Amino acid sequence: FYFLPEMKGRPAMDVDMMFDAKLPAR
């Protein structure tokens, strides 16, 4: 609940961008 991000359906580049933006998991 607190730490696992939702990545279903995301291409690799979008996942890179979300982690680089340091988004909270939720």
mmCIF file of all heavy atoms, coordinates in Angstrom:
data_MODEL
# 
_entry.id   MODEL 
# 
loop_
_atom_site.group_PDB 
_atom_site.id 
_atom_site.type_symbol 
_atom_site.label_atom_id 
_atom_site.label_alt_id 
_atom_site.label_comp_id 
_atom_site.label_asym_id 
_atom_site.label_entity_id 
_atom_site.label_seq_id 
_atom_site.pdbx_PDB_ins_code 
_atom_site.Cartn_x 
_atom_site.Cartn_y 
_atom_site.Cartn_z 
_atom_site.occupancy 
_atom_site.B_iso_or_equiv 
_atom_site.pdbx_formal_charge 
_atom_site.auth_seq_id 
_atom_site.auth_comp_id 
_atom_site.auth_asym_id 
_atom_site.auth_atom_id 
_atom_site.pdbx_PDB_model_num 
ATOM 1   N N   . PHE A 1 1  ? 0.822  -1.212 0.000   1.00 0.00 ? 1  PHE A N   1 
ATOM 2   C CA  . PHE A 1 1  ? 0.000  0.000  0.000   1.00 0.00 ? 1  PHE A CA  1 
ATOM 3   C C   . PHE A 1 1  ? 0.856  1.264  0.000   1.00 0.00 ? 1  PHE A C   1 
ATOM 4   O O   . PHE A 1 1  ? 0.573  2.224  -0.724  1.00 0.00 ? 1  PHE A O   1 
ATOM 5   C CB  . PHE A 1 1  ? -0.923 -0.004 1.213   1.00 0.00 ? 1  PHE A CB  1 
ATOM 6   C CG  . PHE A 1 1  ? -1.794 1.220  1.312   1.00 0.00 ? 1  PHE A CG  1 
ATOM 7   C CD1 . PHE A 1 1  ? -2.916 1.355  0.507   1.00 0.00 ? 1  PHE A CD1 1 
ATOM 8   C CD2 . PHE A 1 1  ? -1.477 2.234  2.201   1.00 0.00 ? 1  PHE A CD2 1 
ATOM 9   C CE1 . PHE A 1 1  ? -3.711 2.489  0.585   1.00 0.00 ? 1  PHE A CE1 1 
ATOM 10  C CE2 . PHE A 1 1  ? -2.267 3.373  2.288   1.00 0.00 ? 1  PHE A CE2 1 
ATOM 11  C CZ  . PHE A 1 1  ? -3.392 3.496  1.480   1.00 0.00 ? 1  PHE A CZ  1 
ATOM 12  N N   . TYR A 1 2  ? 1.918  1.283  0.777   1.00 0.00 ? 2  TYR A N   1 
ATOM 13  C CA  . TYR A 1 2  ? 2.697  2.501  0.941   1.00 0.00 ? 2  TYR A CA  1 
ATOM 14  C C   . TYR A 1 2  ? 3.828  2.671  -0.068  1.00 0.00 ? 2  TYR A C   1 
ATOM 15  O O   . TYR A 1 2  ? 4.215  3.808  -0.374  1.00 0.00 ? 2  TYR A O   1 
ATOM 16  C CB  . TYR A 1 2  ? 3.277  2.575  2.358   1.00 0.00 ? 2  TYR A CB  1 
ATOM 17  C CG  . TYR A 1 2  ? 2.248  2.959  3.399   1.00 0.00 ? 2  TYR A CG  1 
ATOM 18  C CD1 . TYR A 1 2  ? 1.732  1.995  4.267   1.00 0.00 ? 2  TYR A CD1 1 
ATOM 19  C CD2 . TYR A 1 2  ? 1.789  4.262  3.511   1.00 0.00 ? 2  TYR A CD2 1 
ATOM 20  C CE1 . TYR A 1 2  ? 0.779  2.343  5.228   1.00 0.00 ? 2  TYR A CE1 1 
ATOM 21  C CE2 . TYR A 1 2  ? 0.838  4.614  4.460   1.00 0.00 ? 2  TYR A CE2 1 
ATOM 22  C CZ  . TYR A 1 2  ? 0.336  3.651  5.307   1.00 0.00 ? 2  TYR A CZ  1 
ATOM 23  O OH  . TYR A 1 2  ? -0.616 3.994  6.235   1.00 0.00 ? 2  TYR A OH  1 
ATOM 24  N N   . PHE A 1 3  ? 4.366  1.586  -0.609  1.00 0.00 ? 3  PHE A N   1 
ATOM 25  C CA  . PHE A 1 3  ? 5.600  1.715  -1.373  1.00 0.00 ? 3  PHE A CA  1 
ATOM 26  C C   . PHE A 1 3  ? 5.556  1.183  -2.806  1.00 0.00 ? 3  PHE A C   1 
ATOM 27  O O   . PHE A 1 3  ? 6.421  1.530  -3.606  1.00 0.00 ? 3  PHE A O   1 
ATOM 28  C CB  . PHE A 1 3  ? 6.754  1.016  -0.631  1.00 0.00 ? 3  PHE A CB  1 
ATOM 29  C CG  . PHE A 1 3  ? 7.029  1.593  0.721   1.00 0.00 ? 3  PHE A CG  1 
ATOM 30  C CD1 . PHE A 1 3  ? 6.671  0.909  1.874   1.00 0.00 ? 3  PHE A CD1 1 
ATOM 31  C CD2 . PHE A 1 3  ? 7.618  2.843  0.851   1.00 0.00 ? 3  PHE A CD2 1 
ATOM 32  C CE1 . PHE A 1 3  ? 6.897  1.450  3.130   1.00 0.00 ? 3  PHE A CE1 1 
ATOM 33  C CE2 . PHE A 1 3  ? 7.859  3.391  2.095   1.00 0.00 ? 3  PHE A CE2 1 
ATOM 34  C CZ  . PHE A 1 3  ? 7.496  2.703  3.241   1.00 0.00 ? 3  PHE A CZ  1 
ATOM 35  N N   . LEU A 1 4  ? 4.590  0.333  -3.149  1.00 0.00 ? 4  LEU A N   1 
ATOM 36  C CA  . LEU A 1 4  ? 4.594  -0.259 -4.493  1.00 0.00 ? 4  LEU A CA  1 
ATOM 37  C C   . LEU A 1 4  ? 3.875  0.645  -5.486  1.00 0.00 ? 4  LEU A C   1 
ATOM 38  O O   . LEU A 1 4  ? 2.674  0.891  -5.348  1.00 0.00 ? 4  LEU A O   1 
ATOM 39  C CB  . LEU A 1 4  ? 3.926  -1.638 -4.466  1.00 0.00 ? 4  LEU A CB  1 
ATOM 40  C CG  . LEU A 1 4  ? 3.926  -2.388 -5.802  1.00 0.00 ? 4  LEU A CG  1 
ATOM 41  C CD1 . LEU A 1 4  ? 5.348  -2.749 -6.204  1.00 0.00 ? 4  LEU A CD1 1 
ATOM 42  C CD2 . LEU A 1 4  ? 3.066  -3.642 -5.717  1.00 0.00 ? 4  LEU A CD2 1 
ATOM 43  N N   . PRO A 1 5  ? 4.567  1.151  -6.517  1.00 0.00 ? 5  PRO A N   1 
ATOM 44  C CA  . PRO A 1 5  ? 3.909  1.998  -7.519  1.00 0.00 ? 5  PRO A CA  1 
ATOM 45  C C   . PRO A 1 5  ? 3.121  1.167  -8.530  1.00 0.00 ? 5  PRO A C   1 
ATOM 46  O O   . PRO A 1 5  ? 3.393  -0.012 -8.717  1.00 0.00 ? 5  PRO A O   1 
ATOM 47  C CB  . PRO A 1 5  ? 5.078  2.714  -8.190  1.00 0.00 ? 5  PRO A CB  1 
ATOM 48  C CG  . PRO A 1 5  ? 6.241  1.807  -8.012  1.00 0.00 ? 5  PRO A CG  1 
ATOM 49  C CD  . PRO A 1 5  ? 6.014  1.062  -6.723  1.00 0.00 ? 5  PRO A CD  1 
ATOM 50  N N   . GLU A 1 6  ? 2.152  1.808  -9.173  1.00 0.00 ? 6  GLU A N   1 
ATOM 51  C CA  . GLU A 1 6  ? 1.343  1.157  -10.196 1.00 0.00 ? 6  GLU A CA  1 
ATOM 52  C C   . GLU A 1 6  ? 1.971  1.401  -11.565 1.00 0.00 ? 6  GLU A C   1 
ATOM 53  O O   . GLU A 1 6  ? 2.089  2.541  -12.008 1.00 0.00 ? 6  GLU A O   1 
ATOM 54  C CB  . GLU A 1 6  ? -0.083 1.711  -10.182 1.00 0.00 ? 6  GLU A CB  1 
ATOM 55  C CG  . GLU A 1 6  ? -1.007 1.053  -11.188 1.00 0.00 ? 6  GLU A CG  1 
ATOM 56  C CD  . GLU A 1 6  ? -1.120 -0.443 -10.954 1.00 0.00 ? 6  GLU A CD  1 
ATOM 57  O OE1 . GLU A 1 6  ? -1.617 -0.850 -9.883  1.00 0.00 ? 6  GLU A OE1 1 
ATOM 58  O OE2 . GLU A 1 6  ? -0.686 -1.199 -11.843 1.00 0.00 ? 6  GLU A OE2 1 
ATOM 59  N N   . MET A 1 7  ? 2.402  0.316  -12.238 1.00 0.00 ? 7  MET A N   1 
ATOM 60  C CA  . MET A 1 7  ? 3.082  0.459  -13.537 1.00 0.00 ? 7  MET A CA  1 
ATOM 61  C C   . MET A 1 7  ? 2.407  -0.330 -14.646 1.00 0.00 ? 7  MET A C   1 
ATOM 62  O O   . MET A 1 7  ? 2.960  -0.450 -15.745 1.00 0.00 ? 7  MET A O   1 
ATOM 63  C CB  . MET A 1 7  ? 4.555  0.009  -13.400 1.00 0.00 ? 7  MET A CB  1 
ATOM 64  C CG  . MET A 1 7  ? 5.390  0.918  -12.521 1.00 0.00 ? 7  MET A CG  1 
ATOM 65  S SD  . MET A 1 7  ? 7.030  0.244  -12.151 1.00 0.00 ? 7  MET A SD  1 
ATOM 66  C CE  . MET A 1 7  ? 6.598  -1.012 -10.943 1.00 0.00 ? 7  MET A CE  1 
ATOM 67  N N   . LYS A 1 8  ? 1.240  -0.855 -14.397 1.00 0.00 ? 8  LYS A N   1 
ATOM 68  C CA  . LYS A 1 8  ? 0.550  -1.637 -15.427 1.00 0.00 ? 8  LYS A CA  1 
ATOM 69  C C   . LYS A 1 8  ? 0.283  -0.778 -16.666 1.00 0.00 ? 8  LYS A C   1 
ATOM 70  O O   . LYS A 1 8  ? -0.208 0.334  -16.585 1.00 0.00 ? 8  LYS A O   1 
ATOM 71  C CB  . LYS A 1 8  ? -0.780 -2.174 -14.896 1.00 0.00 ? 8  LYS A CB  1 
ATOM 72  C CG  . LYS A 1 8  ? -1.530 -3.012 -15.927 1.00 0.00 ? 8  LYS A CG  1 
ATOM 73  C CD  . LYS A 1 8  ? -2.904 -3.393 -15.449 1.00 0.00 ? 8  LYS A CD  1 
ATOM 74  C CE  . LYS A 1 8  ? -3.641 -4.179 -16.533 1.00 0.00 ? 8  LYS A CE  1 
ATOM 75  N NZ  . LYS A 1 8  ? -3.824 -3.386 -17.768 1.00 0.00 ? 8  LYS A NZ  1 
ATOM 76  N N   . GLY A 1 9  ? 0.607  -1.356 -17.841 1.00 0.00 ? 9  GLY A N   1 
ATOM 77  C CA  . GLY A 1 9  ? 0.325  -0.693 -19.105 1.00 0.00 ? 9  GLY A CA  1 
ATOM 78  C C   . GLY A 1 9  ? 1.267  0.436  -19.466 1.00 0.00 ? 9  GLY A C   1 
ATOM 79  O O   . GLY A 1 9  ? 1.050  1.127  -20.465 1.00 0.00 ? 9  GLY A O   1 
ATOM 80  N N   . ARG A 1 10 ? 2.314  0.647  -18.688 1.00 0.00 ? 10 ARG A N   1 
ATOM 81  C CA  . ARG A 1 10 ? 3.244  1.747  -18.957 1.00 0.00 ? 10 ARG A CA  1 
ATOM 82  C C   . ARG A 1 10 ? 4.428  1.266  -19.783 1.00 0.00 ? 10 ARG A C   1 
ATOM 83  O O   . ARG A 1 10 ? 5.070  0.277  -19.433 1.00 0.00 ? 10 ARG A O   1 
ATOM 84  C CB  . ARG A 1 10 ? 3.771  2.320  -17.646 1.00 0.00 ? 10 ARG A CB  1 
ATOM 85  C CG  . ARG A 1 10 ? 2.691  2.878  -16.722 1.00 0.00 ? 10 ARG A CG  1 
ATOM 86  C CD  . ARG A 1 10 ? 2.171  4.194  -17.230 1.00 0.00 ? 10 ARG A CD  1 
ATOM 87  N NE  . ARG A 1 10 ? 1.363  4.868  -16.205 1.00 0.00 ? 10 ARG A NE  1 
ATOM 88  C CZ  . ARG A 1 10 ? 0.833  6.068  -16.345 1.00 0.00 ? 10 ARG A CZ  1 
ATOM 89  N NH1 . ARG A 1 10 ? 1.016  6.729  -17.478 1.00 0.00 ? 10 ARG A NH1 1 
ATOM 90  N NH2 . ARG A 1 10 ? 0.115  6.607  -15.374 1.00 0.00 ? 10 ARG A NH2 1 
ATOM 91  N N   . PRO A 1 11 ? 4.761  1.956  -20.871 1.00 0.00 ? 11 PRO A N   1 
ATOM 92  C CA  . PRO A 1 11 ? 5.996  1.625  -21.605 1.00 0.00 ? 11 PRO A CA  1 
ATOM 93  C C   . PRO A 1 11 ? 7.225  1.980  -20.778 1.00 0.00 ? 11 PRO A C   1 
ATOM 94  O O   . PRO A 1 11 ? 7.147  2.780  -19.828 1.00 0.00 ? 11 PRO A O   1 
ATOM 95  C CB  . PRO A 1 11 ? 5.900  2.494  -22.863 1.00 0.00 ? 11 PRO A CB  1 
ATOM 96  C CG  . PRO A 1 11 ? 4.957  3.583  -22.522 1.00 0.00 ? 11 PRO A CG  1 
ATOM 97  C CD  . PRO A 1 11 ? 3.995  3.027  -21.519 1.00 0.00 ? 11 PRO A CD  1 
ATOM 98  N N   . ALA A 1 12 ? 8.365  1.404  -21.153 1.00 0.00 ? 12 ALA A N   1 
ATOM 99  C CA  . ALA A 1 12 ? 9.588  1.573  -20.364 1.00 0.00 ? 12 ALA A CA  1 
ATOM 100 C C   . ALA A 1 12 ? 9.975  3.037  -20.218 1.00 0.00 ? 12 ALA A C   1 
ATOM 101 O O   . ALA A 1 12 ? 10.435 3.460  -19.148 1.00 0.00 ? 12 ALA A O   1 
ATOM 102 C CB  . ALA A 1 12 ? 10.726 0.784  -21.005 1.00 0.00 ? 12 ALA A CB  1 
ATOM 103 N N   . MET A 1 13 ? 9.786  3.842  -21.259 1.00 0.00 ? 13 MET A N   1 
ATOM 104 C CA  . MET A 1 13 ? 10.184 5.243  -21.184 1.00 0.00 ? 13 MET A CA  1 
ATOM 105 C C   . MET A 1 13 ? 9.325  6.008  -20.188 1.00 0.00 ? 13 MET A C   1 
ATOM 106 O O   . MET A 1 13 ? 9.826  6.847  -19.440 1.00 0.00 ? 13 MET A O   1 
ATOM 107 C CB  . MET A 1 13 ? 10.109 5.902  -22.562 1.00 0.00 ? 13 MET A CB  1 
ATOM 108 C CG  . MET A 1 13 ? 10.653 7.323  -22.571 1.00 0.00 ? 13 MET A CG  1 
ATOM 109 S SD  . MET A 1 13 ? 10.839 7.965  -24.229 1.00 0.00 ? 13 MET A SD  1 
ATOM 110 C CE  . MET A 1 13 ? 12.183 6.926  -24.815 1.00 0.00 ? 13 MET A CE  1 
ATOM 111 N N   . ASP A 1 14 ? 8.026  5.716  -20.154 1.00 0.00 ? 14 ASP A N   1 
ATOM 112 C CA  . ASP A 1 14 ? 7.161  6.382  -19.168 1.00 0.00 ? 14 ASP A CA  1 
ATOM 113 C C   . ASP A 1 14 ? 7.557  6.009  -17.752 1.00 0.00 ? 14 ASP A C   1 
ATOM 114 O O   . ASP A 1 14 ? 7.545  6.855  -16.842 1.00 0.00 ? 14 ASP A O   1 
ATOM 115 C CB  . ASP A 1 14 ? 5.704  5.994  -19.415 1.00 0.00 ? 14 ASP A CB  1 
ATOM 116 C CG  . ASP A 1 14 ? 5.091  6.729  -20.595 1.00 0.00 ? 14 ASP A CG  1 
ATOM 117 O OD1 . ASP A 1 14 ? 5.820  7.500  -21.247 1.00 0.00 ? 14 ASP A OD1 1 
ATOM 118 O OD2 . ASP A 1 14 ? 3.891  6.516  -20.879 1.00 0.00 ? 14 ASP A OD2 1 
ATOM 119 N N   . VAL A 1 15 ? 7.886  4.739  -17.535 1.00 0.00 ? 15 VAL A N   1 
ATOM 120 C CA  . VAL A 1 15 ? 8.323  4.307  -16.213 1.00 0.00 ? 15 VAL A CA  1 
ATOM 121 C C   . VAL A 1 15 ? 9.602  5.033  -15.810 1.00 0.00 ? 15 VAL A C   1 
ATOM 122 O O   . VAL A 1 15 ? 9.749  5.481  -14.660 1.00 0.00 ? 15 VAL A O   1 
ATOM 123 C CB  . VAL A 1 15 ? 8.523  2.773  -16.177 1.00 0.00 ? 15 VAL A CB  1 
ATOM 124 C CG1 . VAL A 1 15 ? 9.116  2.341  -14.836 1.00 0.00 ? 15 VAL A CG1 1 
ATOM 125 C CG2 . VAL A 1 15 ? 7.198  2.057  -16.415 1.00 0.00 ? 15 VAL A CG2 1 
ATOM 126 N N   . ASP A 1 16 ? 10.538 5.198  -16.761 1.00 0.00 ? 16 ASP A N   1 
ATOM 127 C CA  . ASP A 1 16 ? 11.756 5.969  -16.494 1.00 0.00 ? 16 ASP A CA  1 
ATOM 128 C C   . ASP A 1 16 ? 11.425 7.379  -16.025 1.00 0.00 ? 16 ASP A C   1 
ATOM 129 O O   . ASP A 1 16 ? 11.982 7.887  -15.043 1.00 0.00 ? 16 ASP A O   1 
ATOM 130 C CB  . ASP A 1 16 ? 12.616 6.057  -17.761 1.00 0.00 ? 16 ASP A CB  1 
ATOM 131 C CG  . ASP A 1 16 ? 13.301 4.753  -18.105 1.00 0.00 ? 16 ASP A CG  1 
ATOM 132 O OD1 . ASP A 1 16 ? 13.342 3.855  -17.245 1.00 0.00 ? 16 ASP A OD1 1 
ATOM 133 O OD2 . ASP A 1 16 ? 13.802 4.626  -19.240 1.00 0.00 ? 16 ASP A OD2 1 
ATOM 134 N N   . MET A 1 17 ? 10.483 8.017  -16.727 1.00 0.00 ? 17 MET A N   1 
ATOM 135 C CA  . MET A 1 17 ? 10.132 9.401  -16.411 1.00 0.00 ? 17 MET A CA  1 
ATOM 136 C C   . MET A 1 17 ? 9.486  9.514  -15.028 1.00 0.00 ? 17 MET A C   1 
ATOM 137 O O   . MET A 1 17 ? 9.748  10.456 -14.275 1.00 0.00 ? 17 MET A O   1 
ATOM 138 C CB  . MET A 1 17 ? 9.194  9.948  -17.491 1.00 0.00 ? 17 MET A CB  1 
ATOM 139 C CG  . MET A 1 17 ? 9.845  10.074 -18.859 1.00 0.00 ? 17 MET A CG  1 
ATOM 140 S SD  . MET A 1 17 ? 8.674  10.529 -20.159 1.00 0.00 ? 17 MET A SD  1 
ATOM 141 C CE  . MET A 1 17 ? 8.260  12.198 -19.688 1.00 0.00 ? 17 MET A CE  1 
ATOM 142 N N   . MET A 1 18 ? 8.642  8.551  -14.678 1.00 0.00 ? 18 MET A N   1 
ATOM 143 C CA  . MET A 1 18 ? 7.965  8.607  -13.384 1.00 0.00 ? 18 MET A CA  1 
ATOM 144 C C   . MET A 1 18 ? 8.955  8.435  -12.229 1.00 0.00 ? 18 MET A C   1 
ATOM 145 O O   . MET A 1 18 ? 8.865  9.127  -11.209 1.00 0.00 ? 18 MET A O   1 
ATOM 146 C CB  . MET A 1 18 ? 6.866  7.549  -13.326 1.00 0.00 ? 18 MET A CB  1 
ATOM 147 C CG  . MET A 1 18 ? 5.666  7.882  -14.194 1.00 0.00 ? 18 MET A CG  1 
ATOM 148 S SD  . MET A 1 18 ? 4.242  6.776  -13.958 1.00 0.00 ? 18 MET A SD  1 
ATOM 149 C CE  . MET A 1 18 ? 4.810  5.309  -14.808 1.00 0.00 ? 18 MET A CE  1 
ATOM 150 N N   . PHE A 1 19 ? 9.895  7.521  -12.389 1.00 0.00 ? 19 PHE A N   1 
ATOM 151 C CA  . PHE A 1 19 ? 10.900 7.340  -11.335 1.00 0.00 ? 19 PHE A CA  1 
ATOM 152 C C   . PHE A 1 19 ? 11.839 8.538  -11.273 1.00 0.00 ? 19 PHE A C   1 
ATOM 153 O O   . PHE A 1 19 ? 12.233 8.961  -10.175 1.00 0.00 ? 19 PHE A O   1 
ATOM 154 C CB  . PHE A 1 19 ? 11.681 6.045  -11.550 1.00 0.00 ? 19 PHE A CB  1 
ATOM 155 C CG  . PHE A 1 19 ? 10.995 4.829  -11.009 1.00 0.00 ? 19 PHE A CG  1 
ATOM 156 C CD1 . PHE A 1 19 ? 10.433 3.884  -11.859 1.00 0.00 ? 19 PHE A CD1 1 
ATOM 157 C CD2 . PHE A 1 19 ? 10.898 4.619  -9.643  1.00 0.00 ? 19 PHE A CD2 1 
ATOM 158 C CE1 . PHE A 1 19 ? 9.794  2.758  -11.358 1.00 0.00 ? 19 PHE A CE1 1 
ATOM 159 C CE2 . PHE A 1 19 ? 10.257 3.501  -9.126  1.00 0.00 ? 19 PHE A CE2 1 
ATOM 160 C CZ  . PHE A 1 19 ? 9.702  2.572  -9.986  1.00 0.00 ? 19 PHE A CZ  1 
ATOM 161 N N   . ASP A 1 20 ? 12.196 9.095  -12.433 1.00 0.00 ? 20 ASP A N   1 
ATOM 162 C CA  . ASP A 1 20 ? 13.070 10.273 -12.435 1.00 0.00 ? 20 ASP A CA  1 
ATOM 163 C C   . ASP A 1 20 ? 12.391 11.466 -11.783 1.00 0.00 ? 20 ASP A C   1 
ATOM 164 O O   . ASP A 1 20 ? 13.042 12.331 -11.194 1.00 0.00 ? 20 ASP A O   1 
ATOM 165 C CB  . ASP A 1 20 ? 13.483 10.624 -13.868 1.00 0.00 ? 20 ASP A CB  1 
ATOM 166 C CG  . ASP A 1 20 ? 14.506 9.652  -14.420 1.00 0.00 ? 20 ASP A CG  1 
ATOM 167 O OD1 . ASP A 1 20 ? 15.127 8.935  -13.614 1.00 0.00 ? 20 ASP A OD1 1 
ATOM 168 O OD2 . ASP A 1 20 ? 14.680 9.589  -15.647 1.00 0.00 ? 20 ASP A OD2 1 
ATOM 169 N N   . ALA A 1 21 ? 11.046 11.528 -11.878 1.00 0.00 ? 21 ALA A N   1 
ATOM 170 C CA  . ALA A 1 21 ? 10.289 12.611 -11.244 1.00 0.00 ? 21 ALA A CA  1 
ATOM 171 C C   . ALA A 1 21 ? 10.115 12.400 -9.746  1.00 0.00 ? 21 ALA A C   1 
ATOM 172 O O   . ALA A 1 21 ? 9.562  13.265 -9.058  1.00 0.00 ? 21 ALA A O   1 
ATOM 173 C CB  . ALA A 1 21 ? 8.928  12.759 -11.918 1.00 0.00 ? 21 ALA A CB  1 
ATOM 174 N N   . LYS A 1 22 ? 10.578 11.243 -9.243  1.00 0.00 ? 22 LYS A N   1 
ATOM 175 C CA  . LYS A 1 22 ? 10.499 10.918 -7.808  1.00 0.00 ? 22 LYS A CA  1 
ATOM 176 C C   . LYS A 1 22 ? 9.063  10.981 -7.279  1.00 0.00 ? 22 LYS A C   1 
ATOM 177 O O   . LYS A 1 22 ? 8.795  11.494 -6.192  1.00 0.00 ? 22 LYS A O   1 
ATOM 178 C CB  . LYS A 1 22 ? 11.421 11.815 -6.991  1.00 0.00 ? 22 LYS A CB  1 
ATOM 179 C CG  . LYS A 1 22 ? 12.900 11.655 -7.319  1.00 0.00 ? 22 LYS A CG  1 
ATOM 180 C CD  . LYS A 1 22 ? 13.757 12.551 -6.456  1.00 0.00 ? 22 LYS A CD  1 
ATOM 181 C CE  . LYS A 1 22 ? 15.230 12.243 -6.636  1.00 0.00 ? 22 LYS A CE  1 
ATOM 182 N NZ  . LYS A 1 22 ? 15.697 12.390 -8.029  1.00 0.00 ? 22 LYS A NZ  1 
ATOM 183 N N   . LEU A 1 23 ? 8.145  10.435 -8.049  1.00 0.00 ? 23 LEU A N   1 
ATOM 184 C CA  . LEU A 1 23 ? 6.746  10.420 -7.634  1.00 0.00 ? 23 LEU A CA  1 
ATOM 185 C C   . LEU A 1 23 ? 6.541  9.487  -6.444  1.00 0.00 ? 23 LEU A C   1 
ATOM 186 O O   . LEU A 1 23 ? 7.141  8.408  -6.387  1.00 0.00 ? 23 LEU A O   1 
ATOM 187 C CB  . LEU A 1 23 ? 5.856  9.938  -8.776  1.00 0.00 ? 23 LEU A CB  1 
ATOM 188 C CG  . LEU A 1 23 ? 5.750  10.799 -10.032 1.00 0.00 ? 23 LEU A CG  1 
ATOM 189 C CD1 . LEU A 1 23 ? 4.871  10.087 -11.052 1.00 0.00 ? 23 LEU A CD1 1 
ATOM 190 C CD2 . LEU A 1 23 ? 5.172  12.159 -9.697  1.00 0.00 ? 23 LEU A CD2 1 
ATOM 191 N N   . PRO A 1 24 ? 5.691  9.847  -5.487  1.00 0.00 ? 24 PRO A N   1 
ATOM 192 C CA  . PRO A 1 24 ? 5.284  8.876  -4.447  1.00 0.00 ? 24 PRO A CA  1 
ATOM 193 C C   . PRO A 1 24 ? 4.562  7.707  -5.101  1.00 0.00 ? 24 PRO A C   1 
ATOM 194 O O   . PRO A 1 24 ? 3.938  7.849  -6.157  1.00 0.00 ? 24 PRO A O   1 
ATOM 195 C CB  . PRO A 1 24 ? 4.334  9.695  -3.562  1.00 0.00 ? 24 PRO A CB  1 
ATOM 196 C CG  . PRO A 1 24 ? 4.677  11.124 -3.831  1.00 0.00 ? 24 PRO A CG  1 
ATOM 197 C CD  . PRO A 1 24 ? 5.109  11.177 -5.267  1.00 0.00 ? 24 PRO A CD  1 
ATOM 198 N N   . ALA A 1 25 ? 4.620  6.559  -4.484  1.00 0.00 ? 25 ALA A N   1 
ATOM 199 C CA  . ALA A 1 25 ? 4.073  5.336  -5.085  1.00 0.00 ? 25 ALA A CA  1 
ATOM 200 C C   . ALA A 1 25 ? 2.608  5.492  -5.474  1.00 0.00 ? 25 ALA A C   1 
ATOM 201 O O   . ALA A 1 25 ? 2.180  5.044  -6.545  1.00 0.00 ? 25 ALA A O   1 
ATOM 202 C CB  . ALA A 1 25 ? 4.246  4.158  -4.125  1.00 0.00 ? 25 ALA A CB  1 
ATOM 203 N N   . ARG A 1 26 ? 1.818  6.149  -4.625  1.00 0.00 ? 26 ARG A N   1 
ATOM 204 C CA  . ARG A 1 26 ? 0.383  6.229  -4.886  1.00 0.00 ? 26 ARG A CA  1 
ATOM 205 C C   . ARG A 1 26 ? 0.016  7.243  -5.964  1.00 0.00 ? 26 ARG A C   1 
ATOM 206 O O   . ARG A 1 26 ? -1.144 7.352  -6.339  1.00 0.00 ? 26 ARG A O   1 
ATOM 207 C CB  . ARG A 1 26 ? -0.357 6.545  -3.577  1.00 0.00 ? 26 ARG A CB  1 
ATOM 208 C CG  . ARG A 1 26 ? -0.477 5.347  -2.644  1.00 0.00 ? 26 ARG A CG  1 
ATOM 209 C CD  . ARG A 1 26 ? -1.030 5.737  -1.295  1.00 0.00 ? 26 ARG A CD  1 
ATOM 210 N NE  . ARG A 1 26 ? -0.026 6.440  -0.501  1.00 0.00 ? 26 ARG A NE  1 
ATOM 211 C CZ  . ARG A 1 26 ? -0.288 7.029  0.675   1.00 0.00 ? 26 ARG A CZ  1 
ATOM 212 N NH1 . ARG A 1 26 ? -1.510 7.002  1.165   1.00 0.00 ? 26 ARG A NH1 1 
ATOM 213 N NH2 . ARG A 1 26 ? 0.669  7.632  1.355   1.00 0.00 ? 26 ARG A NH2 1 
# 
